[in-house]
Amino acid sequence: MAVLLLPALLGCNVVQGFQDAGDTLFPEQSTHLSTPALRLVSGGYRSLALAAGRELSVLARSTESDTSLFVMRFANPRPCEIPEVGRYVASRNPNRAEAGIAYFRDDAAQGTLHFADTSCRTFDLELEDARLPVGETDTTIIVWAAGDLLEVAPEKGERTKLATGVTNVVTRAFSGRTLVLTEGRLEVFDGDWKSQGRFGENVSGLLKTTSGALYLDSTGVRRLSAGADNRTTLDELIEPDACNLALRGDWATFHAPCAEQRLVALHEPTGNLYPLPFQADPYNIRIVPARGSVGTDLTQEPYWFLFLRNTTDSGGTLVLRDPKGEERILGESAVLTYSDFDASASPAFGHALVNVVDRAGDYVYFDAEGQQRTLAHGVFTRGDRLLADWNGATGSLVVVSGDRLEVVAQGVPSSGFEFKDSSNAWTVLFHDWEGDRGRLSRFSGSLDALYGTPPDAPFAAPVLQEVAPSVGPFTTVALGALLPGTSFLADYDPETATGRLTYENVELRFQAVVDSGVSDYLVTADYLMYTIPYGRDRGIWLATGK
């Protein structure tokens, strides 16, 4: 029997009810789904989720009630009901004897937290001024409530205080640790929620790195990292009297001494410090090794710097500084988003987003001398990819190579539009979005490969091949380990929020219909679970990979 492994805490706050439900240890990828599917339970259900304990449970809402949560064992799906459940999260720990559910009675982010289990038992323990749980063990749940970090056992009505005066919790910081800002100090907890000590004084900033964490306190910039045996946490002072700490890639930048606003760069992997002889916003600077540089030593190798100066809430002055110290002003009201410089190219060049107004600006190409050419207008500053001609809801998806720009698709939302396989052999795009439905198309390769096209290589927009013409927004999922393709709701009806659940094996280039009238679904590595909320086939169904 396969073992189902669940990822992070699963909850009901799912856009249109779609969410990756986990992964399974199976040796081979499926090529298709078995149909007809198996009905697990009858009834009008929607908004699927899973809860993990020693037994897997299915969670769902009813079409007749927004206030109850229905729970059923995966192996024996007999629904029970937990009343008055708003936003919630469910356990993911497969070692728990009984999976737990923590919930608010409305769609709150903070308030009175209640507890139940997947047998629909509710418990008397309530926590005021609480957030949803930040972690769990085999027997307890970790909750940040009323300024305290608590370890609670709801079925026993027990709570243990782990920390007081808590103002921030950073999970998955490094080596399985959680960092808790408590009374101005950082307390480090290991994977079992055992304290490894408190560090710092008057902590004012915290950044996760690849090997640990950097933080600011009253003494300066400090680093936390795991000890050699991973049972201890090390704390070291990097630079005294510092402020305005930022991190981009391997480079951290800050001011030290703080009062003098002197710019300092830290190569985080080596711990080497470099005073920088110019003024810039530490939060908005890119350090770019010149062509032929290894990229680790600012004193021995030439570097370019792309940064903002005179920053305000709307942007700043974008400056390019060469290895000789000469500066070129590239534009005003600029942001560092989508701004880059390729010093390894011959000749060197870059791109910048300038003249930003209402989160959209001009996207320009520039050379090493600062000469510019505008490539696109209205480029959105917060899109997952470059979106030009932004109208507040959608834009034109574009790719660039040097001073060339190509439009890939139009009517593209800011996120949730790109689906691909792990090998980047193909990409599926959601586009031509009209507010309640859009189009799916595929092309060979990936957007990253298009962006990486050398300036002297042939460059053209990919030819899009239609997958489906009328697909519900945010109803597409990359099937990943289940099979090499995507699933989606075709012929989408916005009034009932249902469609025809279809999947495509992109590698074999065939489509198949799983079922009609589907509202929500989730995918694991060996099956697809979905809901039909209306009609004679209403219920929760299961299609397995073959």
Foldseek 3Di string as FASTA:
>chain_A
DKDWAADDWKKQPDDLQEDAGGAIDDDAAFADWDPPFFFLDFAFWGNWYWAAELFIKIWTDHPVDPQKIWIATPVRGDIDIAGQFAIKTWHRDHHAPWIKMWGDSHPDQWAKIWIDTRVNRTAPAIAGRWGYFPAADNAWTWICGPQFIWTDRRVVNDIDTLAGNWDDWAAPQAQQWIWTQGPQWTWIAHNRRDTQDIDAHNWDAWDRDPAFIWTQHQFGIKTWGADPVSPHIDIDDLAGCWDQWEDDHQKIWTAPVPVVRWIKIARNVVSDIDTDPDHFRRHFKDKAFAAPDPPRDPVPGFIKMWGFDPADPQGGFIWIAGSVGDIDTQEGSWGNQQWDWDNNDVFTKIWTFYPDDPQFGWIWIATPVNDIDTDAGGFGRQAPATFGPDPPAWGFGWADARRDIATQAGAAGRDDFWEAEPVQQKIKGWGPDPPFWTWIWMFGGDSVVLNVDHNPDDHYHTDTDTDAGTFGRNFKDQQYLNAGWIWTFHPADSVLQWGFIKIARVVVGDIDTNGGQWRHWYHYNFKIWTARRDDPPGGITIITGD
